[in-house]
Amino acid sequence: MMTQTKIVLVTGGSRGLGKNMALALAQKGNDIILTYNSKEAEALEVVKEIENMGQKAAALQLNVADSKSFPVFFESVSKVLKDKFAASGFDFLVNNAGIGLHVPFAETTEAQFDSMVSIHLKATFFMTQHAQKLMNDGGGIVNVSTGLARFTLPGYAAYATMKGGIETLTKYLAKELGHKKIRVNVIAPGAIETDFGGGRVRDNAELNAFVASQTALGRVGLPDDIGGVVAFLCSDEARWVNAQRIEVSGGFLL
């Protein structure tokens, strides 16, 4: 019996961890809709890579900071589902899009704080609220937190506070979407070598060495360490994993 190909919507899928997630999900046989904010060329490259694997893919523009745009965005999702995937709904949502902020608590402005609320906490809440109307029963949602919600490093108070909210929201979503058999989990990456936060972990040798020295596995994380975990959570093998926080940090600050 042939199993139906699942469709996954990944926000912020043009680069960094989101790109890695999208490719890992495609390798597992899923079709992908990915979003990008400004990097259309990069997003279309990811689409091409996925299509070269034999899966279907599409890229849509989305600024997650603008929650008022979500209804129109999901009209575009409906259209692309019908036109490109011959489907009326999708199966998994990965709320990945986001930016970092590294500013001492005492110097964090209200504008910076509000930006973090919009991009991380508000976006995850209302993206999911709109998405679940189009989601098939029996799928799942993966939210993205950070190791910084468990341990503390100065300068991340605003960013980590949003992620702490996302971890709480994850449990509520699991409870409230359970009637649709939709599982909701959250991953918490540790420090990863990407261009995230201006590429601090990747490009600052001192910081890189510090992170490696405090990690049980003795190195800094790479994007390839993350995508497979998301692909697992969006699979039938993870069908009984629900409302869980999975830290993917190699054992940082144990």
Protein backbone atom coordinates (compact mmCIF):
# COMPACT_ATOMS: atom_id res chain seq x y z
CA MET A 1 0.00 0.00 0.00
CA MET A 2 1.41 3.41 -0.97
CA THR A 3 1.55 5.96 1.81
CA GLN A 4 0.38 9.49 1.08
CA THR A 5 3.25 11.99 0.79
CA LYS A 6 3.11 14.47 3.65
CA ILE A 7 3.43 18.23 3.13
CA VAL A 8 5.44 20.37 5.55
CA LEU A 9 5.35 24.17 5.89
CA VAL A 10 8.70 25.49 7.15
CA THR A 11 8.98 29.20 8.00
CA GLY A 12 12.35 30.84 7.39
CA GLY A 13 13.48 28.04 5.11
CA SER A 14 15.80 29.94 2.78
CA ARG A 15 18.94 29.73 4.93
CA GLY A 16 20.53 28.52 8.16
CA LEU A 17 18.66 26.00 10.29
CA GLY A 18 15.41 26.39 8.35
CA LYS A 19 17.11 25.41 5.10
CA ASN A 20 18.67 22.41 6.81
CA MET A 21 15.28 21.39 8.24
CA ALA A 22 13.60 21.70 4.83
CA LEU A 23 16.26 19.55 3.14
CA ALA A 24 16.22 16.92 5.91
CA LEU A 25 12.42 16.73 5.71
CA ALA A 26 12.59 16.35 1.91
CA GLN A 27 15.18 13.57 2.25
CA LYS A 28 12.60 11.70 4.35
CA GLY A 29 10.13 11.90 1.45
CA ASN A 30 8.09 14.96 2.42
CA ASP A 31 6.98 17.75 0.08
CA ILE A 32 7.88 21.25 1.30
CA ILE A 33 6.44 24.74 1.34
CA LEU A 34 9.08 27.09 2.69
CA THR A 35 8.88 30.78 3.47
CA TYR A 36 11.45 33.54 3.10
CA ASN A 37 11.38 37.16 4.23
CA SER A 38 13.71 38.89 1.74
CA LYS A 39 16.02 36.22 0.28
CA GLU A 40 13.93 35.00 -2.66
CA ALA A 41 16.92 33.79 -4.73
CA GLU A 42 18.19 31.64 -1.85
CA ALA A 43 14.69 30.27 -1.25
CA LEU A 44 14.33 29.27 -4.91
CA GLU A 45 17.72 27.51 -4.71
CA VAL A 46 16.41 25.43 -1.79
CA VAL A 47 13.27 24.64 -3.82
CA LYS A 48 15.51 23.44 -6.66
CA GLU A 49 17.55 21.24 -4.29
CA ILE A 50 14.35 19.65 -2.97
CA GLU A 51 12.99 19.07 -6.47
CA ASN A 52 16.31 17.43 -7.40
CA MET A 53 15.58 14.92 -4.62
CA GLY A 54 12.34 14.05 -6.38
CA GLN A 55 10.01 15.92 -4.00
CA LYS A 56 7.69 18.84 -4.68
CA ALA A 57 8.50 22.25 -3.22
CA ALA A 58 7.37 25.86 -3.30
CA ALA A 59 8.58 29.12 -1.73
CA LEU A 60 6.31 31.91 -0.46
CA GLN A 61 7.23 35.35 0.89
CA LEU A 62 6.29 35.96 4.53
CA ASN A 63 7.35 38.47 7.17
CA VAL A 64 6.43 36.73 10.43
CA ALA A 65 6.74 40.04 12.30
CA ASP A 66 3.57 41.23 10.51
CA SER A 67 0.80 39.05 11.94
CA LYS A 68 -1.85 41.08 10.06
CA SER A 69 -0.48 39.56 6.85
CA PHE A 70 -1.16 35.97 7.96
CA PRO A 71 -4.72 35.63 6.56
CA VAL A 72 -3.54 36.69 3.08
CA PHE A 73 -0.47 34.46 3.41
CA PHE A 74 -2.62 31.42 4.15
CA GLU A 75 -4.78 32.21 1.11
CA SER A 76 -1.52 31.88 -0.88
CA VAL A 77 -0.78 28.61 0.92
CA SER A 78 -4.24 27.29 -0.06
CA LYS A 79 -3.66 28.26 -3.67
CA VAL A 80 -0.20 26.69 -3.89
CA LEU A 81 -1.48 23.51 -2.19
CA LYS A 82 -4.17 23.20 -4.85
CA ASP A 83 -2.06 24.24 -7.85
CA LYS A 84 1.28 22.61 -7.10
CA PHE A 85 0.50 19.77 -4.68
CA ALA A 86 -3.08 18.83 -5.68
CA ALA A 87 -3.95 19.02 -1.99
CA SER A 88 -6.40 20.93 0.19
CA GLY A 89 -4.36 20.83 3.40
CA PHE A 90 -0.89 20.22 4.78
CA ASP A 91 0.40 17.97 7.54
CA PHE A 92 3.22 19.60 9.50
CA LEU A 93 4.16 23.14 10.49
CA VAL A 94 7.69 24.12 11.56
CA ASN A 95 7.71 27.55 13.24
CA ASN A 96 11.38 28.29 12.62
CA ALA A 97 11.64 31.88 11.31
CA GLY A 98 13.35 34.30 13.67
CA ILE A 99 16.29 36.55 14.39
CA GLY A 100 18.64 36.84 17.34
CA LEU A 101 19.21 39.75 19.71
CA HIS A 102 22.30 40.11 21.88
CA VAL A 103 21.99 43.21 24.07
CA PRO A 104 22.60 43.57 27.82
CA PHE A 105 19.36 43.61 29.83
CA ALA A 106 19.98 47.16 31.09
CA GLU A 107 20.41 48.48 27.54
CA THR A 108 17.51 46.65 25.83
CA THR A 109 15.09 49.15 24.34
CA GLU A 110 11.33 48.82 24.26
CA ALA A 111 11.49 48.73 20.46
CA GLN A 112 13.93 45.80 20.55
CA PHE A 113 11.74 43.98 23.07
CA ASP A 114 8.59 44.57 21.00
CA SER A 115 10.41 43.31 17.90
CA MET A 116 11.27 40.06 19.72
CA VAL A 117 7.64 39.67 20.81
CA SER A 118 6.37 40.10 17.22
CA ILE A 119 8.95 37.91 15.49
CA HIS A 120 9.05 35.04 17.97
CA LEU A 121 6.17 34.82 20.43
CA LYS A 122 3.30 36.53 18.59
CA ALA A 123 4.29 34.98 15.25
CA THR A 124 4.36 31.43 16.62
CA PHE A 125 1.01 31.94 18.37
CA PHE A 126 -0.91 33.41 15.44
CA MET A 127 0.86 31.49 12.63
CA THR A 128 -0.26 28.31 14.37
CA GLN A 129 -3.78 29.67 14.94
CA HIS A 130 -4.20 30.30 11.21
CA ALA A 131 -2.28 27.20 10.10
CA GLN A 132 -4.31 24.69 12.10
CA LYS A 133 -7.39 25.52 10.02
CA LEU A 134 -5.55 24.15 6.96
CA MET A 135 -3.78 21.28 8.73
CA ASN A 136 -4.81 17.70 8.24
CA ASP A 137 -5.69 15.66 11.30
CA GLY A 138 -2.87 13.47 12.57
CA GLY A 139 0.00 15.80 11.65
CA GLY A 140 2.23 17.85 13.89
CA ILE A 141 3.87 21.13 14.79
CA VAL A 142 7.50 21.77 15.70
CA ASN A 143 8.28 25.05 17.46
CA VAL A 144 11.81 26.35 17.89
CA SER A 145 13.14 27.53 21.24
CA THR A 146 16.74 27.84 22.42
CA GLY A 147 19.02 26.32 25.00
CA LEU A 148 19.10 29.85 26.44
CA ALA A 149 15.67 29.21 27.94
CA ARG A 150 17.34 26.64 30.26
CA PHE A 151 20.77 28.18 30.93
CA THR A 152 21.68 31.86 30.91
CA LEU A 153 24.34 33.81 29.04
CA PRO A 154 24.30 37.61 29.54
CA GLY A 155 22.78 39.59 26.70
CA TYR A 156 19.94 37.28 25.75
CA ALA A 157 17.25 38.28 28.27
CA ALA A 158 14.68 39.51 25.71
CA TYR A 159 15.31 36.76 23.15
CA ALA A 160 15.26 33.92 25.67
CA THR A 161 12.14 35.28 27.40
CA MET A 162 10.22 34.91 24.12
CA LYS A 163 11.49 31.37 23.71
CA GLY A 164 10.42 30.52 27.26
CA GLY A 165 6.95 31.67 26.24
CA ILE A 166 7.08 29.43 23.16
CA GLU A 167 7.93 26.44 25.36
CA THR A 168 4.85 27.08 27.51
CA LEU A 169 2.71 27.70 24.40
CA THR A 170 3.85 24.34 23.00
CA LYS A 171 2.23 22.47 25.89
CA TYR A 172 -1.01 24.41 25.53
CA LEU A 173 -1.11 23.76 21.78
CA ALA A 174 -0.55 20.03 22.35
CA LYS A 175 -3.52 20.01 24.72
CA GLU A 176 -5.83 22.13 22.60
CA LEU A 177 -5.04 20.53 19.23
CA GLY A 178 -5.10 16.99 20.59
CA HIS A 179 -8.65 16.48 19.34
CA LYS A 180 -7.25 16.78 15.79
CA LYS A 181 -4.50 14.27 16.67
CA ILE A 182 -1.95 17.03 16.00
CA ARG A 183 1.23 16.61 18.06
CA VAL A 184 3.15 19.71 19.16
CA ASN A 185 6.78 19.62 20.27
CA VAL A 186 9.56 22.16 20.71
CA ILE A 187 13.26 21.82 19.93
CA ALA A 188 15.86 23.91 21.73
CA PRO A 189 19.10 24.20 19.73
CA GLY A 190 22.32 25.13 21.46
CA ALA A 191 24.89 27.43 19.83
CA ILE A 192 25.11 26.63 16.10
CA GLU A 193 27.58 27.79 13.43
CA THR A 194 25.30 29.80 11.11
CA ASP A 195 24.88 33.46 10.17
CA PHE A 196 22.30 33.72 12.98
CA GLY A 197 22.86 36.72 15.26
CA GLY A 198 25.44 38.11 12.86
CA GLY A 199 27.37 34.82 12.80
CA ARG A 200 28.79 35.36 16.30
CA VAL A 201 29.23 31.67 17.15
CA ARG A 202 30.67 30.83 13.73
CA ASP A 203 33.02 33.80 13.31
CA ASN A 204 34.16 34.69 16.84
CA ALA A 205 36.98 32.22 17.58
CA GLU A 206 36.95 32.98 21.31
CA LEU A 207 33.21 32.41 21.63
CA ASN A 208 33.42 29.29 19.47
CA ALA A 209 36.16 27.85 21.71
CA PHE A 210 34.17 28.71 24.86
CA VAL A 211 31.05 26.95 23.56
CA ALA A 212 33.06 23.87 22.53
CA SER A 213 34.76 23.74 25.95
CA GLN A 214 31.39 23.78 27.74
CA THR A 215 29.78 21.14 25.51
CA ALA A 216 29.92 17.49 26.58
CA LEU A 217 30.60 16.39 22.98
CA GLY A 218 33.42 18.94 22.68
CA ARG A 219 32.40 21.00 19.67
CA VAL A 220 29.99 23.67 18.50
CA GLY A 221 26.76 22.61 16.81
CA LEU A 222 26.30 22.60 13.03
CA PRO A 223 23.06 23.00 11.02
CA ASP A 224 23.25 19.30 10.10
CA ASP A 225 22.84 18.47 13.80
CA ILE A 226 19.35 19.99 13.84
CA GLY A 227 17.46 19.16 10.64
CA GLY A 228 17.26 15.42 11.26
CA VAL A 229 15.67 15.95 14.67
CA VAL A 230 12.90 18.02 13.09
CA ALA A 231 12.46 15.40 10.34
CA PHE A 232 12.08 12.73 13.04
CA LEU A 233 9.45 14.76 14.90
CA CYS A 234 7.54 15.16 11.61
CA SER A 235 7.39 11.41 11.06
CA ASP A 236 5.24 8.49 12.13
CA GLU A 237 8.16 7.19 14.23
CA ALA A 238 7.50 10.14 16.58
CA ARG A 239 3.74 9.57 16.72
CA TRP A 240 3.75 9.17 20.54
CA VAL A 241 6.08 12.11 21.23
CA ASN A 242 3.92 15.05 22.26
CA ALA A 243 4.33 18.27 24.28
CA GLN A 244 8.06 17.60 24.68
CA ARG A 245 11.03 19.96 24.78
CA ILE A 246 14.00 18.34 23.05
CA GLU A 247 17.27 20.17 23.57
CA VAL A 248 19.71 19.70 20.68
CA SER A 249 22.89 21.17 22.13
CA GLY A 250 25.39 18.29 22.40
CA GLY A 251 25.12 18.60 26.17
CA PHE A 252 25.93 22.28 26.74
CA LEU A 253 26.45 23.56 30.30
CA LEU A 254 25.45 20.33 32.00
